[in-house]
């Protein structure tokens, strides 16, 4: 025979159930309230609304009702499943941060597969010395690019820095977006700890 639960016990468990429900919903409620307040503060200014009215893009009563329905459904879904949304937001934030770091890196033509040989700066200057009998080009390593070469070398101050020559054949994919090279591209790459951190192009059409 099943033992009977007293009215006090039932009242206690009913009260505890409501406490747990409120404790579960409360974080989601605060999050939803924060974003609704943010949306309200970020709403178009009166001037922007007047401009939309002037060009015939005034929001209708139906648009307002649709927005209200969307926000209501979204808020209810978040209140019910906010732990899942929180986990998704955490990983999304990490993914966005990693993508932002990747996109902030300089976009070089050269890639590791196009590095040909490790060279000394002096040897690079010897083979690139320009002699122009007509005097149109300065008699210096890399000619008119000599100043840019000096700036390029000045950035190689780390003990792990290396200077490599590179050759990108015509039609090869280069750069972060993988565009095909329209001609052969030659130059020197600044490599630090195995990563290309700079390049100096000497030949490209």
C-alpha atoms as a PDB file:
ATOM      1  CA  UNK A   1       0.000   0.000   0.000  1.00  0.00           C
ATOM      2  CA  UNK A   2       1.407   3.374  -1.029  1.00  0.00           C
ATOM      3  CA  UNK A   3       2.016   5.807   1.847  1.00  0.00           C
ATOM      4  CA  UNK A   4      -0.144   8.910   1.722  1.00  0.00           C
ATOM      5  CA  UNK A   5       1.562  12.286   1.506  1.00  0.00           C
ATOM      6  CA  UNK A   6       0.371  14.894   3.907  1.00  0.00           C
ATOM      7  CA  UNK A   7      -0.910  18.256   2.707  1.00  0.00           C
ATOM      8  CA  UNK A   8       2.141  19.921   4.264  1.00  0.00           C
ATOM      9  CA  UNK A   9       4.496  17.687   2.252  1.00  0.00           C
ATOM     10  CA  UNK A  10       2.618  18.403  -0.970  1.00  0.00           C
ATOM     11  CA  UNK A  11       2.692  22.103  -0.237  1.00  0.00           C
ATOM     12  CA  UNK A  12       6.435  21.941   0.396  1.00  0.00           C
ATOM     13  CA  UNK A  13       7.179  20.148  -2.861  1.00  0.00           C
ATOM     14  CA  UNK A  14       4.894  22.494  -4.774  1.00  0.00           C
ATOM     15  CA  UNK A  15       6.672  25.492  -3.240  1.00  0.00           C
ATOM     16  CA  UNK A  16      10.110  23.991  -3.971  1.00  0.00           C
ATOM     17  CA  UNK A  17       9.080  23.342  -7.579  1.00  0.00           C
ATOM     18  CA  UNK A  18       8.210  27.012  -8.076  1.00  0.00           C
ATOM     19  CA  UNK A  19      11.479  28.112  -6.454  1.00  0.00           C
ATOM     20  CA  UNK A  20      13.509  25.908  -8.837  1.00  0.00           C
ATOM     21  CA  UNK A  21      11.498  27.127 -11.824  1.00  0.00           C
ATOM     22  CA  UNK A  22      12.082  30.770 -10.923  1.00  0.00           C
ATOM     23  CA  UNK A  23      15.786  30.120 -10.286  1.00  0.00           C
ATOM     24  CA  UNK A  24      16.060  28.466 -13.710  1.00  0.00           C
ATOM     25  CA  UNK A  25      14.223  31.203 -15.608  1.00  0.00           C
ATOM     26  CA  UNK A  26      15.758  34.198 -13.808  1.00  0.00           C
ATOM     27  CA  UNK A  27      19.127  34.274 -15.701  1.00  0.00           C
ATOM     28  CA  UNK A  28      17.298  34.026 -19.022  1.00  0.00           C
ATOM     29  CA  UNK A  29      14.871  36.749 -17.926  1.00  0.00           C
ATOM     30  CA  UNK A  30      17.719  39.147 -17.133  1.00  0.00           C
ATOM     31  CA  UNK A  31      19.429  38.350 -20.451  1.00  0.00           C
ATOM     32  CA  UNK A  32      16.242  38.895 -22.454  1.00  0.00           C
ATOM     33  CA  UNK A  33      15.500  42.122 -20.559  1.00  0.00           C
ATOM     34  CA  UNK A  34      19.015  43.407 -21.266  1.00  0.00           C
ATOM     35  CA  UNK A  35      18.744  42.765 -25.005  1.00  0.00           C
ATOM     36  CA  UNK A  36      15.228  44.165 -25.275  1.00  0.00           C
ATOM     37  CA  UNK A  37      16.405  47.330 -23.522  1.00  0.00           C
ATOM     38  CA  UNK A  38      19.412  47.488 -25.849  1.00  0.00           C
ATOM     39  CA  UNK A  39      17.162  47.086 -28.892  1.00  0.00           C
ATOM     40  CA  UNK A  40      14.945  49.878 -27.580  1.00  0.00           C
ATOM     41  CA  UNK A  41      17.910  52.211 -27.044  1.00  0.00           C
ATOM     42  CA  UNK A  42      19.301  51.386 -30.507  1.00  0.00           C
ATOM     43  CA  UNK A  43      16.023  52.091 -32.266  1.00  0.00           C
ATOM     44  CA  UNK A  44      16.155  54.636 -35.124  1.00  0.00           C
ATOM     45  CA  UNK A  45      16.057  58.261 -34.034  1.00  0.00           C
ATOM     46  CA  UNK A  46      13.055  60.459 -34.722  1.00  0.00           C
ATOM     47  CA  UNK A  47      14.988  62.052 -37.574  1.00  0.00           C
ATOM     48  CA  UNK A  48      15.653  58.650 -39.152  1.00  0.00           C
ATOM     49  CA  UNK A  49      11.997  57.695 -38.789  1.00  0.00           C
ATOM     50  CA  UNK A  50      10.946  60.965 -40.418  1.00  0.00           C
ATOM     51  CA  UNK A  51      13.342  60.272 -43.303  1.00  0.00           C
ATOM     52  CA  UNK A  52      11.861  56.791 -43.780  1.00  0.00           C
ATOM     53  CA  UNK A  53       8.398  58.337 -43.795  1.00  0.00           C
ATOM     54  CA  UNK A  54       9.520  60.848 -46.426  1.00  0.00           C
ATOM     55  CA  UNK A  55      10.750  58.141 -48.811  1.00  0.00           C
ATOM     56  CA  UNK A  56       7.642  56.031 -48.326  1.00  0.00           C
ATOM     57  CA  UNK A  57       9.136  53.387 -46.047  1.00  0.00           C
ATOM     58  CA  UNK A  58       7.029  54.091 -43.000  1.00  0.00           C
ATOM     59  CA  UNK A  59       6.458  51.037 -40.822  1.00  0.00           C
ATOM     60  CA  UNK A  60       2.888  49.818 -40.874  1.00  0.00           C
ATOM     61  CA  UNK A  61       0.872  48.546 -37.930  1.00  0.00           C
ATOM     62  CA  UNK A  62       1.292  45.039 -39.347  1.00  0.00           C
ATOM     63  CA  UNK A  63       5.096  45.414 -39.275  1.00  0.00           C
ATOM     64  CA  UNK A  64       4.897  46.400 -35.608  1.00  0.00           C
ATOM     65  CA  UNK A  65       2.726  43.379 -34.796  1.00  0.00           C
ATOM     66  CA  UNK A  66       5.086  41.034 -36.676  1.00  0.00           C
ATOM     67  CA  UNK A  67       8.071  42.403 -34.752  1.00  0.00           C
ATOM     68  CA  UNK A  68       6.191  42.010 -31.490  1.00  0.00           C
ATOM     69  CA  UNK A  69       5.347  38.388 -32.354  1.00  0.00           C
ATOM     70  CA  UNK A  70       8.949  37.609 -33.316  1.00  0.00           C
ATOM     71  CA  UNK A  71      10.354  39.146 -30.134  1.00  0.00           C
ATOM     72  CA  UNK A  72       7.775  37.336 -28.002  1.00  0.00           C
ATOM     73  CA  UNK A  73       8.513  33.920 -29.535  1.00  0.00           C
ATOM     74  CA  UNK A  74      12.271  34.499 -29.337  1.00  0.00           C
ATOM     75  CA  UNK A  75      12.021  35.571 -25.680  1.00  0.00           C
ATOM     76  CA  UNK A  76       9.959  32.508 -24.744  1.00  0.00           C
ATOM     77  CA  UNK A  77      12.384  30.177 -26.530  1.00  0.00           C
ATOM     78  CA  UNK A  78      15.327  31.761 -24.756  1.00  0.00           C
ATOM     79  CA  UNK A  79      13.645  31.573 -21.340  1.00  0.00           C
ATOM     80  CA  UNK A  80      13.058  27.844 -21.885  1.00  0.00           C
ATOM     81  CA  UNK A  81      16.423  26.905 -23.401  1.00  0.00           C
ATOM     82  CA  UNK A  82      18.798  29.643 -22.204  1.00  0.00           C
ATOM     83  CA  UNK A  83      21.581  27.203 -21.072  1.00  0.00           C
ATOM     84  CA  UNK A  84      21.872  25.902 -24.642  1.00  0.00           C
ATOM     85  CA  UNK A  85      21.942  29.449 -26.020  1.00  0.00           C
ATOM     86  CA  UNK A  86      24.606  30.382 -23.450  1.00  0.00           C
ATOM     87  CA  UNK A  87      26.851  27.496 -24.529  1.00  0.00           C
ATOM     88  CA  UNK A  88      26.315  28.394 -28.199  1.00  0.00           C
ATOM     89  CA  UNK A  89      27.117  32.071 -27.491  1.00  0.00           C
ATOM     90  CA  UNK A  90      30.322  31.085 -25.659  1.00  0.00           C
ATOM     91  CA  UNK A  91      31.656  29.016 -28.565  1.00  0.00           C
ATOM     92  CA  UNK A  92      30.429  31.580 -31.117  1.00  0.00           C
ATOM     93  CA  UNK A  93      32.333  34.306 -29.291  1.00  0.00           C
ATOM     94  CA  UNK A  94      35.506  32.204 -29.322  1.00  0.00           C
ATOM     95  CA  UNK A  95      35.047  31.456 -33.018  1.00  0.00           C
ATOM     96  CA  UNK A  96      34.492  35.144 -33.828  1.00  0.00           C
ATOM     97  CA  UNK A  97      37.577  36.123 -31.825  1.00  0.00           C
ATOM     98  CA  UNK A  98      39.728  33.573 -33.678  1.00  0.00           C
ATOM     99  CA  UNK A  99      38.314  34.765 -37.020  1.00  0.00           C
ATOM    100  CA  UNK A 100      39.017  38.393 -36.102  1.00  0.00           C
ATOM    101  CA  UNK A 101      42.639  37.528 -35.255  1.00  0.00           C
ATOM    102  CA  UNK A 102      42.998  35.679 -38.561  1.00  0.00           C
ATOM    103  CA  UNK A 103      41.486  38.539 -40.565  1.00  0.00           C
ATOM    104  CA  UNK A 104      43.695  41.097 -38.820  1.00  0.00           C
ATOM    105  CA  UNK A 105      46.826  39.376 -40.085  1.00  0.00           C
ATOM    106  CA  UNK A 106      48.518  41.014 -43.104  1.00  0.00           C
ATOM    107  CA  UNK A 107      47.567  39.491 -46.437  1.00  0.00           C
ATOM    108  CA  UNK A 108      50.790  38.496 -48.193  1.00  0.00           C
ATOM    109  CA  UNK A 109      51.144  37.100 -51.701  1.00  0.00           C
ATOM    110  CA  UNK A 110      53.784  34.640 -50.561  1.00  0.00           C
ATOM    111  CA  UNK A 111      52.942  31.369 -48.845  1.00  0.00           C
ATOM    112  CA  UNK A 112      55.321  28.829 -47.267  1.00  0.00           C
ATOM    113  CA  UNK A 113      55.233  26.562 -50.338  1.00  0.00           C
ATOM    114  CA  UNK A 114      56.725  29.340 -52.486  1.00  0.00           C
ATOM    115  CA  UNK A 115      59.831  29.871 -50.343  1.00  0.00           C
ATOM    116  CA  UNK A 116      62.886  28.766 -52.293  1.00  0.00           C
ATOM    117  CA  UNK A 117      66.045  29.357 -50.231  1.00  0.00           C
ATOM    118  CA  UNK A 118      67.389  30.981 -47.107  1.00  0.00           C
ATOM    119  CA  UNK A 119      69.594  33.971 -47.970  1.00  0.00           C
ATOM    120  CA  UNK A 120      71.730  36.562 -46.215  1.00  0.00           C
ATOM    121  CA  UNK A 121      70.715  40.229 -46.656  1.00  0.00           C
ATOM    122  CA  UNK A 122      74.163  41.066 -48.071  1.00  0.00           C
ATOM    123  CA  UNK A 123      73.921  38.324 -50.709  1.00  0.00           C
ATOM    124  CA  UNK A 124      70.434  39.522 -51.664  1.00  0.00           C
ATOM    125  CA  UNK A 125      71.777  43.042 -52.165  1.00  0.00           C
ATOM    126  CA  UNK A 126      74.741  41.839 -54.258  1.00  0.00           C
ATOM    127  CA  UNK A 127      72.552  39.958 -56.748  1.00  0.00           C
ATOM    128  CA  UNK A 128      70.053  42.821 -56.893  1.00  0.00           C
ATOM    129  CA  UNK A 129      72.532  45.659 -57.419  1.00  0.00           C
ATOM    130  CA  UNK A 130      71.352  47.914 -60.248  1.00  0.00           C
ATOM    131  CA  UNK A 131      73.773  49.410 -62.780  1.00  0.00           C
ATOM    132  CA  UNK A 132      72.098  51.844 -65.185  1.00  0.00           C
ATOM    133  CA  UNK A 133      74.549  53.456 -67.669  1.00  0.00           C
ATOM    134  CA  UNK A 134      71.990  56.189 -68.394  1.00  0.00           C
ATOM    135  CA  UNK A 135      71.631  57.029 -64.721  1.00  0.00           C
ATOM    136  CA  UNK A 136      67.852  56.858 -64.644  1.00  0.00           C
ATOM    137  CA  UNK A 137      67.984  54.285 -61.848  1.00  0.00           C
ATOM    138  CA  UNK A 138      70.150  54.817 -58.741  1.00  0.00           C
ATOM    139  CA  UNK A 139      73.186  52.557 -58.611  1.00  0.00           C
ATOM    140  CA  UNK A 140      72.018  50.868 -55.435  1.00  0.00           C
ATOM    141  CA  UNK A 141      70.644  47.471 -54.421  1.00  0.00           C
ATOM    142  CA  UNK A 142      67.093  47.287 -55.860  1.00  0.00           C
ATOM    143  CA  UNK A 143      67.451  50.733 -57.469  1.00  0.00           C
ATOM    144  CA  UNK A 144      64.441  52.925 -56.705  1.00  0.00           C
ATOM    145  CA  UNK A 145      63.277  50.357 -54.153  1.00  0.00           C
ATOM    146  CA  UNK A 146      66.380  50.742 -52.032  1.00  0.00           C
ATOM    147  CA  UNK A 147      64.664  52.860 -49.356  1.00  0.00           C
ATOM    148  CA  UNK A 148      61.823  50.350 -49.117  1.00  0.00           C
ATOM    149  CA  UNK A 149      64.398  47.560 -48.823  1.00  0.00           C
ATOM    150  CA  UNK A 150      66.010  49.378 -45.901  1.00  0.00           C
ATOM    151  CA  UNK A 151      62.661  49.646 -44.123  1.00  0.00           C
ATOM    152  CA  UNK A 152      62.004  45.970 -44.826  1.00  0.00           C
ATOM    153  CA  UNK A 153      65.346  44.961 -43.255  1.00  0.00           C
ATOM    154  CA  UNK A 154      64.849  47.262 -40.273  1.00  0.00           C
ATOM    155  CA  UNK A 155      61.875  45.147 -39.214  1.00  0.00           C
ATOM    156  CA  UNK A 156      64.056  42.034 -38.928  1.00  0.00           C
ATOM    157  CA  UNK A 157      65.286  42.570 -35.380  1.00  0.00           C
ATOM    158  CA  UNK A 158      64.202  39.328 -33.722  1.00  0.00           C
ATOM    159  CA  UNK A 159      66.853  36.561 -33.366  1.00  0.00           C
ATOM    160  CA  UNK A 160      64.372  34.145 -34.952  1.00  0.00           C
ATOM    161  CA  UNK A 161      64.034  36.285 -38.101  1.00  0.00           C
ATOM    162  CA  UNK A 162      65.141  34.788 -41.420  1.00  0.00           C
ATOM    163  CA  UNK A 163      65.294  36.119 -44.966  1.00  0.00           C
ATOM    164  CA  UNK A 164      64.035  33.789 -47.683  1.00  0.00           C
ATOM    165  CA  UNK A 165      63.749  34.242 -51.408  1.00  0.00           C
ATOM    166  CA  UNK A 166      60.439  33.226 -52.945  1.00  0.00           C
ATOM    167  CA  UNK A 167      58.988  32.558 -56.372  1.00  0.00           C
ATOM    168  CA  UNK A 168      55.268  32.401 -57.116  1.00  0.00           C
ATOM    169  CA  UNK A 169      54.707  30.937 -60.618  1.00  0.00           C
ATOM    170  CA  UNK A 170      52.131  32.555 -62.870  1.00  0.00           C
ATOM    171  CA  UNK A 171      48.665  31.148 -62.272  1.00  0.00           C
ATOM    172  CA  UNK A 172      49.445  29.947 -58.744  1.00  0.00           C
ATOM    173  CA  UNK A 173      47.091  30.799 -55.925  1.00  0.00           C
ATOM    174  CA  UNK A 174      48.428  33.543 -53.692  1.00  0.00           C
ATOM    175  CA  UNK A 175      47.163  35.693 -50.869  1.00  0.00           C
ATOM    176  CA  UNK A 176      44.553  34.861 -48.248  1.00  0.00           C
ATOM    177  CA  UNK A 177      41.767  34.754 -50.833  1.00  0.00           C
ATOM    178  CA  UNK A 178      43.619  32.492 -53.250  1.00  0.00           C
ATOM    179  CA  UNK A 179      43.650  34.747 -56.308  1.00  0.00           C
ATOM    180  CA  UNK A 180      45.651  33.405 -59.263  1.00  0.00           C
ATOM    181  CA  UNK A 181      48.896  35.284 -59.884  1.00  0.00           C
ATOM    182  CA  UNK A 182      48.717  37.119 -63.216  1.00  0.00           C
ATOM    183  CA  UNK A 183      52.499  36.769 -63.676  1.00  0.00           C
ATOM    184  CA  UNK A 184      55.556  35.338 -61.966  1.00  0.00           C
ATOM    185  CA  UNK A 185      56.147  37.025 -58.620  1.00  0.00           C
ATOM    186  CA  UNK A 186      59.605  37.037 -57.071  1.00  0.00           C
ATOM    187  CA  UNK A 187      60.985  38.632 -53.973  1.00  0.00           C
ATOM    188  CA  UNK A 188      62.100  38.088 -50.401  1.00  0.00           C
ATOM    189  CA  UNK A 189      60.082  37.046 -47.400  1.00  0.00           C
ATOM    190  CA  UNK A 190      60.593  37.939 -43.766  1.00  0.00           C
ATOM    191  CA  UNK A 191      60.095  34.676 -41.868  1.00  0.00           C
ATOM    192  CA  UNK A 192      59.866  34.489 -38.080  1.00  0.00           C
ATOM    193  CA  UNK A 193      59.602  31.146 -36.321  1.00  0.00           C
ATOM    194  CA  UNK A 194      58.351  29.531 -39.526  1.00  0.00           C
ATOM    195  CA  UNK A 195      55.676  32.180 -40.206  1.00  0.00           C
ATOM    196  CA  UNK A 196      55.789  34.776 -42.986  1.00  0.00           C
ATOM    197  CA  UNK A 197      55.473  38.217 -41.365  1.00  0.00           C
ATOM    198  CA  UNK A 198      56.618  40.408 -44.263  1.00  0.00           C
ATOM    199  CA  UNK A 199      57.500  40.376 -47.965  1.00  0.00           C
ATOM    200  CA  UNK A 200      59.477  42.468 -50.397  1.00  0.00           C
ATOM    201  CA  UNK A 201      58.444  42.004 -54.028  1.00  0.00           C
ATOM    202  CA  UNK A 202      61.148  42.584 -56.621  1.00  0.00           C
ATOM    203  CA  UNK A 203      59.469  41.216 -59.753  1.00  0.00           C
ATOM    204  CA  UNK A 204      55.786  41.357 -60.665  1.00  0.00           C
ATOM    205  CA  UNK A 205      53.831  42.624 -63.686  1.00  0.00           C
END
